[in-house]
Amino acid sequence: MQATAYTYDPESRTGQVLLDDGTPVPFDAAAFDAGGLRLLRPGQRVRIETEAGTEGEADGEAGAGGGTRGAGLRITLVTLQTF
């Protein structure tokens, strides 16, 4: 899945990406480390791998129209998108 880097803290190696629908989804240091990156800049296109997380783990609340796409996702890998 593709996303755009939104925030990144180099000290904790955590941050958020924006899905293409604008939903922010957080990632932890383990997901960042799995991608082999050294730095991430806001606006960079990234490739992410996800798995279903526990309820309330990801930012976003389900709405009346079926929910937020990023809710319940846990990012397991963040790496640069290459063509």
PDB file of N, CA and C in Angstrom:
ATOM      1  N   MET A   1       0.848  -1.161   0.000  1.00  0.00           N
ATOM      2  CA  MET A   1       0.000   0.000   0.000  1.00  0.00           C
ATOM      3  C   MET A   1       0.902   1.234   0.000  1.00  0.00           C
ATOM      4  N   GLN A   2       0.467   2.286  -0.658  1.00  0.00           N
ATOM      5  CA  GLN A   2       1.246   3.518  -0.702  1.00  0.00           C
ATOM      6  C   GLN A   2       0.657   4.557   0.243  1.00  0.00           C
ATOM      7  N   ALA A   3       1.517   5.451   0.700  1.00  0.00           N
ATOM      8  CA  ALA A   3       1.100   6.530   1.588  1.00  0.00           C
ATOM      9  C   ALA A   3       2.104   7.672   1.440  1.00  0.00           C
ATOM     10  N   THR A   4       1.869   8.756   2.157  1.00  0.00           N
ATOM     11  CA  THR A   4       2.761   9.906   2.166  1.00  0.00           C
ATOM     12  C   THR A   4       3.222  10.146   3.592  1.00  0.00           C
ATOM     13  N   ALA A   5       4.531  10.327   3.781  1.00  0.00           N
ATOM     14  CA  ALA A   5       5.054  10.619   5.118  1.00  0.00           C
ATOM     15  C   ALA A   5       4.443  11.931   5.602  1.00  0.00           C
ATOM     16  N   TYR A   6       3.948  11.923   6.827  1.00  0.00           N
ATOM     17  CA  TYR A   6       3.278  13.086   7.402  1.00  0.00           C
ATOM     18  C   TYR A   6       4.110  13.680   8.532  1.00  0.00           C
ATOM     19  N   THR A   7       4.478  12.861   9.495  1.00  0.00           N
ATOM     20  CA  THR A   7       5.349  13.297  10.580  1.00  0.00           C
ATOM     21  C   THR A   7       6.407  12.235  10.805  1.00  0.00           C
ATOM     22  N   TYR A   8       7.548  12.666  11.377  1.00  0.00           N
ATOM     23  CA  TYR A   8       8.598  11.729  11.735  1.00  0.00           C
ATOM     24  C   TYR A   8       9.464  12.356  12.819  1.00  0.00           C
ATOM     25  N   ASP A   9       9.717  11.610  13.887  1.00  0.00           N
ATOM     26  CA  ASP A   9      10.594  12.030  14.971  1.00  0.00           C
ATOM     27  C   ASP A   9      11.852  11.164  14.924  1.00  0.00           C
ATOM     28  N   PRO A  10      13.005  11.748  14.536  1.00  0.00           N
ATOM     29  CA  PRO A  10      14.214  10.935  14.394  1.00  0.00           C
ATOM     30  C   PRO A  10      14.725  10.343  15.714  1.00  0.00           C
ATOM     31  N   GLU A  11      14.408  10.968  16.842  1.00  0.00           N
ATOM     32  CA  GLU A  11      14.878  10.427  18.122  1.00  0.00           C
ATOM     33  C   GLU A  11      14.146   9.150  18.497  1.00  0.00           C
ATOM     34  N   SER A  12      12.827   9.127  18.319  1.00  0.00           N
ATOM     35  CA  SER A  12      12.053   7.936  18.667  1.00  0.00           C
ATOM     36  C   SER A  12      11.826   7.013  17.475  1.00  0.00           C
ATOM     37  N   ARG A  13      12.119   7.510  16.253  1.00  0.00           N
ATOM     38  CA  ARG A  13      11.920   6.783  14.999  1.00  0.00           C
ATOM     39  C   ARG A  13      10.452   6.403  14.798  1.00  0.00           C
ATOM     40  N   THR A  14       9.558   7.254  15.267  1.00  0.00           N
ATOM     41  CA  THR A  14       8.116   7.045  15.102  1.00  0.00           C
ATOM     42  C   THR A  14       7.523   8.210  14.323  1.00  0.00           C
ATOM     43  N   GLY A  15       6.313   8.021  13.823  1.00  0.00           N
ATOM     44  CA  GLY A  15       5.655   9.095  13.096  1.00  0.00           C
ATOM     45  C   GLY A  15       4.301   8.664  12.592  1.00  0.00           C
ATOM     46  N   GLN A  16       3.844   9.376  11.563  1.00  0.00           N
ATOM     47  CA  GLN A  16       2.566   9.074  10.937  1.00  0.00           C
ATOM     48  C   GLN A  16       2.712   9.187   9.429  1.00  0.00           C
ATOM     49  N   VAL A  17       1.897   8.416   8.730  1.00  0.00           N
ATOM     50  CA  VAL A  17       1.758   8.553   7.288  1.00  0.00           C
ATOM     51  C   VAL A  17       0.311   8.924   7.006  1.00  0.00           C
ATOM     52  N   LEU A  18       0.094   9.510   5.848  1.00  0.00           N
ATOM     53  CA  LEU A  18      -1.261   9.799   5.385  1.00  0.00           C
ATOM     54  C   LEU A  18      -1.597   8.823   4.279  1.00  0.00           C
ATOM     55  N   LEU A  19      -2.700   8.104   4.452  1.00  0.00           N
ATOM     56  CA  LEU A  19      -3.191   7.271   3.369  1.00  0.00           C
ATOM     57  C   LEU A  19      -3.688   8.187   2.256  1.00  0.00           C
ATOM     58  N   ASP A  20      -3.941   7.647   1.090  1.00  0.00           N
ATOM     59  CA  ASP A  20      -4.363   8.474  -0.039  1.00  0.00           C
ATOM     60  C   ASP A  20      -5.709   9.142   0.185  1.00  0.00           C
ATOM     61  N   ASP A  21      -6.501   8.643   1.141  1.00  0.00           N
ATOM     62  CA  ASP A  21      -7.768   9.294   1.452  1.00  0.00           C
ATOM     63  C   ASP A  21      -7.610  10.365   2.536  1.00  0.00           C
ATOM     64  N   GLY A  22      -6.354  10.614   2.977  1.00  0.00           N
ATOM     65  CA  GLY A  22      -6.078  11.650   3.965  1.00  0.00           C
ATOM     66  C   GLY A  22      -6.088  11.172   5.401  1.00  0.00           C
ATOM     67  N   THR A  23      -6.308   9.889   5.621  1.00  0.00           N
ATOM     68  CA  THR A  23      -6.353   9.346   6.973  1.00  0.00           C
ATOM     69  C   THR A  23      -4.937   9.187   7.530  1.00  0.00           C
ATOM     70  N   PRO A  24      -4.640   9.792   8.695  1.00  0.00           N
ATOM     71  CA  PRO A  24      -3.323   9.583   9.309  1.00  0.00           C
ATOM     72  C   PRO A  24      -3.275   8.233  10.024  1.00  0.00           C
ATOM     73  N   VAL A  25      -2.165   7.528   9.863  1.00  0.00           N
ATOM     74  CA  VAL A  25      -1.964   6.236  10.529  1.00  0.00           C
ATOM     75  C   VAL A  25      -0.563   6.268  11.142  1.00  0.00           C
ATOM     76  N   PRO A  26      -0.461   6.020  12.457  1.00  0.00           N
ATOM     77  CA  PRO A  26       0.851   6.058  13.107  1.00  0.00           C
ATOM     78  C   PRO A  26       1.683   4.808  12.823  1.00  0.00           C
ATOM     79  N   PHE A  27       3.012   4.968  12.926  1.00  0.00           N
ATOM     80  CA  PHE A  27       3.909   3.813  12.863  1.00  0.00           C
ATOM     81  C   PHE A  27       4.887   3.909  14.021  1.00  0.00           C
ATOM     82  N   ASP A  28       5.367   2.736  14.458  1.00  0.00           N
ATOM     83  CA  ASP A  28       6.306   2.700  15.574  1.00  0.00           C
ATOM     84  C   ASP A  28       7.732   2.480  15.073  1.00  0.00           C
ATOM     85  N   ALA A  29       8.675   2.474  16.003  1.00  0.00           N
ATOM     86  CA  ALA A  29      10.088   2.325  15.646  1.00  0.00           C
ATOM     87  C   ALA A  29      10.358   0.994  14.960  1.00  0.00           C
ATOM     88  N   ALA A  30       9.661  -0.064  15.373  1.00  0.00           N
ATOM     89  CA  ALA A  30       9.881  -1.376  14.748  1.00  0.00           C
ATOM     90  C   ALA A  30       9.514  -1.347  13.268  1.00  0.00           C
ATOM     91  N   ALA A  31       8.426  -0.669  12.917  1.00  0.00           N
ATOM     92  CA  ALA A  31       8.012  -0.568  11.512  1.00  0.00           C
ATOM     93  C   ALA A  31       9.015   0.258  10.719  1.00  0.00           C
ATOM     94  N   PHE A  32       9.526   1.328  11.317  1.00  0.00           N
ATOM     95  CA  PHE A  32      10.527   2.153  10.639  1.00  0.00           C
ATOM     96  C   PHE A  32      11.810   1.353  10.436  1.00  0.00           C
ATOM     97  N   ASP A  33      12.268   0.669  11.467  1.00  0.00           N
ATOM     98  CA  ASP A  33      13.494  -0.124  11.372  1.00  0.00           C
ATOM     99  C   ASP A  33      13.381  -1.252  10.356  1.00  0.00           C
ATOM    100  N   ALA A  34      12.198  -1.834  10.217  1.00  0.00           N
ATOM    101  CA  ALA A  34      11.989  -2.939   9.267  1.00  0.00           C
ATOM    102  C   ALA A  34      12.201  -2.501   7.825  1.00  0.00           C
ATOM    103  N   GLY A  35      11.993  -1.214   7.550  1.00  0.00           N
ATOM    104  CA  GLY A  35      12.155  -0.709   6.191  1.00  0.00           C
ATOM    105  C   GLY A  35      13.578  -0.359   5.810  1.00  0.00           C
ATOM    106  N   GLY A  36      14.486  -0.346   6.772  1.00  0.00           N
ATOM    107  CA  GLY A  36      15.886  -0.068   6.472  1.00  0.00           C
ATOM    108  C   GLY A  36      16.201   1.391   6.178  1.00  0.00           C
ATOM    109  N   LEU A  37      15.304   2.297   6.523  1.00  0.00           N
ATOM    110  CA  LEU A  37      15.535   3.717   6.268  1.00  0.00           C
ATOM    111  C   LEU A  37      16.363   4.338   7.385  1.00  0.00           C
ATOM    112  N   ARG A  38      17.023   5.458   7.060  1.00  0.00           N
ATOM    113  CA  ARG A  38      17.770   6.208   8.059  1.00  0.00           C
ATOM    114  C   ARG A  38      17.077   7.514   8.400  1.00  0.00           C
ATOM    115  N   LEU A  39      16.260   8.031   7.473  1.00  0.00           N
ATOM    116  CA  LEU A  39      15.597   9.312   7.659  1.00  0.00           C
ATOM    117  C   LEU A  39      14.331   9.315   6.818  1.00  0.00           C
ATOM    118  N   LEU A  40      13.346  10.065   7.256  1.00  0.00           N
ATOM    119  CA  LEU A  40      12.099  10.198   6.522  1.00  0.00           C
ATOM    120  C   LEU A  40      11.683  11.658   6.576  1.00  0.00           C
ATOM    121  N   ARG A  41      11.365  12.221   5.428  1.00  0.00           N
ATOM    122  CA  ARG A  41      10.957  13.623   5.355  1.00  0.00           C
ATOM    123  C   ARG A  41       9.475  13.711   5.025  1.00  0.00           C
ATOM    124  N   PRO A  42       8.766  14.632   5.695  1.00  0.00           N
ATOM    125  CA  PRO A  42       7.346  14.827   5.362  1.00  0.00           C
ATOM    126  C   PRO A  42       7.173  15.100   3.871  1.00  0.00           C
ATOM    127  N   GLY A  43       6.182  14.467   3.284  1.00  0.00           N
ATOM    128  CA  GLY A  43       5.904  14.626   1.859  1.00  0.00           C
ATOM    129  C   GLY A  43       6.463  13.513   0.994  1.00  0.00           C
ATOM    130  N   GLN A  44       7.387  12.714   1.528  1.00  0.00           N
ATOM    131  CA  GLN A  44       7.937  11.608   0.740  1.00  0.00           C
ATOM    132  C   GLN A  44       6.879  10.519   0.561  1.00  0.00           C
ATOM    133  N   ARG A  45       6.832   9.962  -0.645  1.00  0.00           N
ATOM    134  CA  ARG A  45       5.947   8.816  -0.898  1.00  0.00           C
ATOM    135  C   ARG A  45       6.624   7.581  -0.332  1.00  0.00           C
ATOM    136  N   VAL A  46       5.859   6.794   0.381  1.00  0.00           N
ATOM    137  CA  VAL A  46       6.388   5.588   0.992  1.00  0.00           C
ATOM    138  C   VAL A  46       5.493   4.404   0.667  1.00  0.00           C
ATOM    139  N   ARG A  47       6.077   3.239   0.794  1.00  0.00           N
ATOM    140  CA  ARG A  47       5.325   1.993   0.697  1.00  0.00           C
ATOM    141  C   ARG A  47       5.207   1.459   2.114  1.00  0.00           C
ATOM    142  N   ILE A  48       4.002   1.065   2.483  1.00  0.00           N
ATOM    143  CA  ILE A  48       3.800   0.524   3.818  1.00  0.00           C
ATOM    144  C   ILE A  48       3.194  -0.872   3.715  1.00  0.00           C
ATOM    145  N   GLU A  49       3.483  -1.674   4.707  1.00  0.00           N
ATOM    146  CA  GLU A  49       2.822  -2.957   4.871  1.00  0.00           C
ATOM    147  C   GLU A  49       2.081  -2.886   6.187  1.00  0.00           C
ATOM    148  N   THR A  50       0.860  -3.436   6.203  1.00  0.00           N
ATOM    149  CA  THR A  50       0.022  -3.327   7.388  1.00  0.00           C
ATOM    150  C   THR A  50      -0.549  -4.679   7.776  1.00  0.00           C
ATOM    151  N   GLU A  51      -1.045  -4.718   8.985  1.00  0.00           N
ATOM    152  CA  GLU A  51      -1.831  -5.861   9.447  1.00  0.00           C
ATOM    153  C   GLU A  51      -2.949  -5.291  10.306  1.00  0.00           C
ATOM    154  N   ALA A  52      -3.974  -6.063  10.503  1.00  0.00           N
ATOM    155  CA  ALA A  52      -5.091  -5.606  11.329  1.00  0.00           C
ATOM    156  C   ALA A  52      -4.599  -5.456  12.762  1.00  0.00           C
ATOM    157  N   GLY A  53      -4.889  -4.291  13.346  1.00  0.00           N
ATOM    158  CA  GLY A  53      -4.485  -4.033  14.721  1.00  0.00           C
ATOM    159  C   GLY A  53      -5.643  -4.238  15.657  1.00  0.00           C
ATOM    160  N   THR A  54      -5.386  -4.004  16.933  1.00  0.00           N
ATOM    161  CA  THR A  54      -6.457  -4.096  17.904  1.00  0.00           C
ATOM    162  C   THR A  54      -7.289  -2.834  17.855  1.00  0.00           C
ATOM    163  N   GLU A  55      -8.518  -2.900  18.292  1.00  0.00           N
ATOM    164  CA  GLU A  55      -9.427  -1.760  18.245  1.00  0.00           C
ATOM    165  C   GLU A  55      -8.843  -0.608  19.038  1.00  0.00           C
ATOM    166  N   GLY A  56      -8.850   0.597  18.420  1.00  0.00           N
ATOM    167  CA  GLY A  56      -8.341   1.791  19.070  1.00  0.00           C
ATOM    168  C   GLY A  56      -6.845   1.962  18.946  1.00  0.00           C
ATOM    169  N   GLU A  57      -6.161   1.039  18.278  1.00  0.00           N
ATOM    170  CA  GLU A  57      -4.715   1.127  18.156  1.00  0.00           C
ATOM    171  C   GLU A  57      -4.300   2.220  17.196  1.00  0.00           C
ATOM    172  N   ALA A  58      -5.045   2.406  16.108  1.00  0.00           N
ATOM    173  CA  ALA A  58      -4.718   3.430  15.123  1.00  0.00           C
ATOM    174  C   ALA A  58      -5.579   4.655  15.358  1.00  0.00           C
ATOM    175  N   ASP A  59      -5.079   5.808  14.941  1.00  0.00           N
ATOM    176  CA  ASP A  59      -5.857   7.031  15.054  1.00  0.00           C
ATOM    177  C   ASP A  59      -7.062   6.960  14.147  1.00  0.00           C
ATOM    178  N   GLY A  60      -8.102   7.707  14.491  1.00  0.00           N
ATOM    179  CA  GLY A  60      -9.295   7.757  13.658  1.00  0.00           C
ATOM    180  C   GLY A  60     -10.420   6.997  14.316  1.00  0.00           C
ATOM    181  N   GLU A  61     -11.608   7.540  14.161  1.00  0.00           N
ATOM    182  CA  GLU A  61     -12.779   6.893  14.723  1.00  0.00           C
ATOM    183  C   GLU A  61     -13.712   6.517  13.601  1.00  0.00           C
ATOM    184  N   ALA A  62     -14.424   5.452  13.782  1.00  0.00           N
ATOM    185  CA  ALA A  62     -15.389   5.022  12.777  1.00  0.00           C
ATOM    186  C   ALA A  62     -16.519   6.025  12.698  1.00  0.00           C
ATOM    187  N   GLY A  63     -16.905   6.358  11.492  1.00  0.00           N
ATOM    188  CA  GLY A  63     -18.002   7.293  11.293  1.00  0.00           C
ATOM    189  C   GLY A  63     -19.274   6.551  10.943  1.00  0.00           C
ATOM    190  N   ALA A  64     -20.371   7.279  10.842  1.00  0.00           N
ATOM    191  CA  ALA A  64     -21.658   6.662  10.542  1.00  0.00           C
ATOM    192  C   ALA A  64     -21.678   6.052   9.147  1.00  0.00           C
ATOM    193  N   GLY A  65     -20.824   6.529   8.251  1.00  0.00           N
ATOM    194  CA  GLY A  65     -20.837   6.051   6.876  1.00  0.00           C
ATOM    195  C   GLY A  65     -19.965   4.848   6.628  1.00  0.00           C
ATOM    196  N   GLY A  66     -19.555   4.141   7.661  1.00  0.00           N
ATOM    197  CA  GLY A  66     -18.787   2.929   7.407  1.00  0.00           C
ATOM    198  C   GLY A  66     -17.405   2.944   8.009  1.00  0.00           C
ATOM    199  N   GLY A  67     -16.945   4.066   8.549  1.00  0.00           N
ATOM    200  CA  GLY A  67     -15.683   4.073   9.270  1.00  0.00           C
ATOM    201  C   GLY A  67     -14.550   4.702   8.513  1.00  0.00           C
ATOM    202  N   THR A  68     -13.453   4.835   9.204  1.00  0.00           N
ATOM    203  CA  THR A  68     -12.227   5.410   8.673  1.00  0.00           C
ATOM    204  C   THR A  68     -11.358   4.291   8.138  1.00  0.00           C
ATOM    205  N   ARG A  69     -10.793   4.487   6.978  1.00  0.00           N
ATOM    206  CA  ARG A  69      -9.995   3.453   6.337  1.00  0.00           C
ATOM    207  C   ARG A  69      -8.793   3.042   7.174  1.00  0.00           C
ATOM    208  N   GLY A  70      -8.160   3.981   7.868  1.00  0.00           N
ATOM    209  CA  GLY A  70      -6.967   3.672   8.636  1.00  0.00           C
ATOM    210  C   GLY A  70      -7.230   3.112  10.017  1.00  0.00           C
ATOM    211  N   ALA A  71      -8.478   3.161  10.478  1.00  0.00           N
ATOM    212  CA  ALA A  71      -8.790   2.665  11.814  1.00  0.00           C
ATOM    213  C   ALA A  71      -8.539   1.169  11.886  1.00  0.00           C
ATOM    214  N   GLY A  72      -7.812   0.736  12.917  1.00  0.00           N
ATOM    215  CA  GLY A  72      -7.545  -0.676  13.086  1.00  0.00           C
ATOM    216  C   GLY A  72      -6.353  -1.189  12.310  1.00  0.00           C
ATOM    217  N   LEU A  73      -5.650  -0.339  11.554  1.00  0.00           N
ATOM    218  CA  LEU A  73      -4.448  -0.762  10.841  1.00  0.00           C
ATOM    219  C   LEU A  73      -3.231  -0.570  11.729  1.00  0.00           C
ATOM    220  N   ARG A  74      -2.318  -1.526  11.660  1.00  0.00           N
ATOM    221  CA  ARG A  74      -1.026  -1.376  12.321  1.00  0.00           C
ATOM    222  C   ARG A  74       0.032  -1.507  11.242  1.00  0.00           C
ATOM    223  N   ILE A  75       0.864  -0.491  11.108  1.00  0.00           N
ATOM    224  CA  ILE A  75       1.917  -0.505  10.095  1.00  0.00           C
ATOM    225  C   ILE A  75       3.065  -1.364  10.604  1.00  0.00           C
ATOM    226  N   THR A  76       3.500  -2.306   9.763  1.00  0.00           N
ATOM    227  CA  THR A  76       4.594  -3.202  10.134  1.00  0.00           C
ATOM    228  C   THR A  76       5.880  -2.883   9.385  1.00  0.00           C
ATOM    229  N   LEU A  77       5.794  -2.065   8.323  1.00  0.00           N
ATOM    230  CA  LEU A  77       6.979  -1.713   7.534  1.00  0.00           C
ATOM    231  C   LEU A  77       6.727  -0.382   6.841  1.00  0.00           C
ATOM    232  N   VAL A  78       7.740   0.489   6.873  1.00  0.00           N
ATOM    233  CA  VAL A  78       7.723   1.747   6.138  1.00  0.00           C
ATOM    234  C   VAL A  78       9.014   1.807   5.330  1.00  0.00           C
ATOM    235  N   THR A  79       8.902   1.976   4.027  1.00  0.00           N
ATOM    236  CA  THR A  79      10.095   2.113   3.189  1.00  0.00           C
ATOM    237  C   THR A  79       9.766   3.053   2.034  1.00  0.00           C
ATOM    238  N   LEU A  80      10.788   3.495   1.319  1.00  0.00           N
ATOM    239  CA  LEU A  80      10.550   4.426   0.214  1.00  0.00           C
ATOM    240  C   LEU A  80       9.830   3.741  -0.930  1.00  0.00           C
ATOM    241  N   GLN A  81       8.947   4.480  -1.588  1.00  0.00           N
ATOM    242  CA  GLN A  81       8.267   3.975  -2.769  1.00  0.00           C
ATOM    243  C   GLN A  81       9.195   4.140  -3.957  1.00  0.00           C
ATOM    244  N   THR A  82       9.481   3.059  -4.638  1.00  0.00           N
ATOM    245  CA  THR A  82      10.313   3.126  -5.837  1.00  0.00           C
ATOM    246  C   THR A  82       9.483   2.688  -7.031  1.00  0.00           C
ATOM    247  N   PHE A  83       9.808   3.220  -8.159  1.00  0.00           N
ATOM    248  CA  PHE A  83       9.018   2.919  -9.363  1.00  0.00           C
ATOM    249  C   PHE A  83       9.712   1.897 -10.213  1.00  0.00           C
TER     250      PHE A  83
END
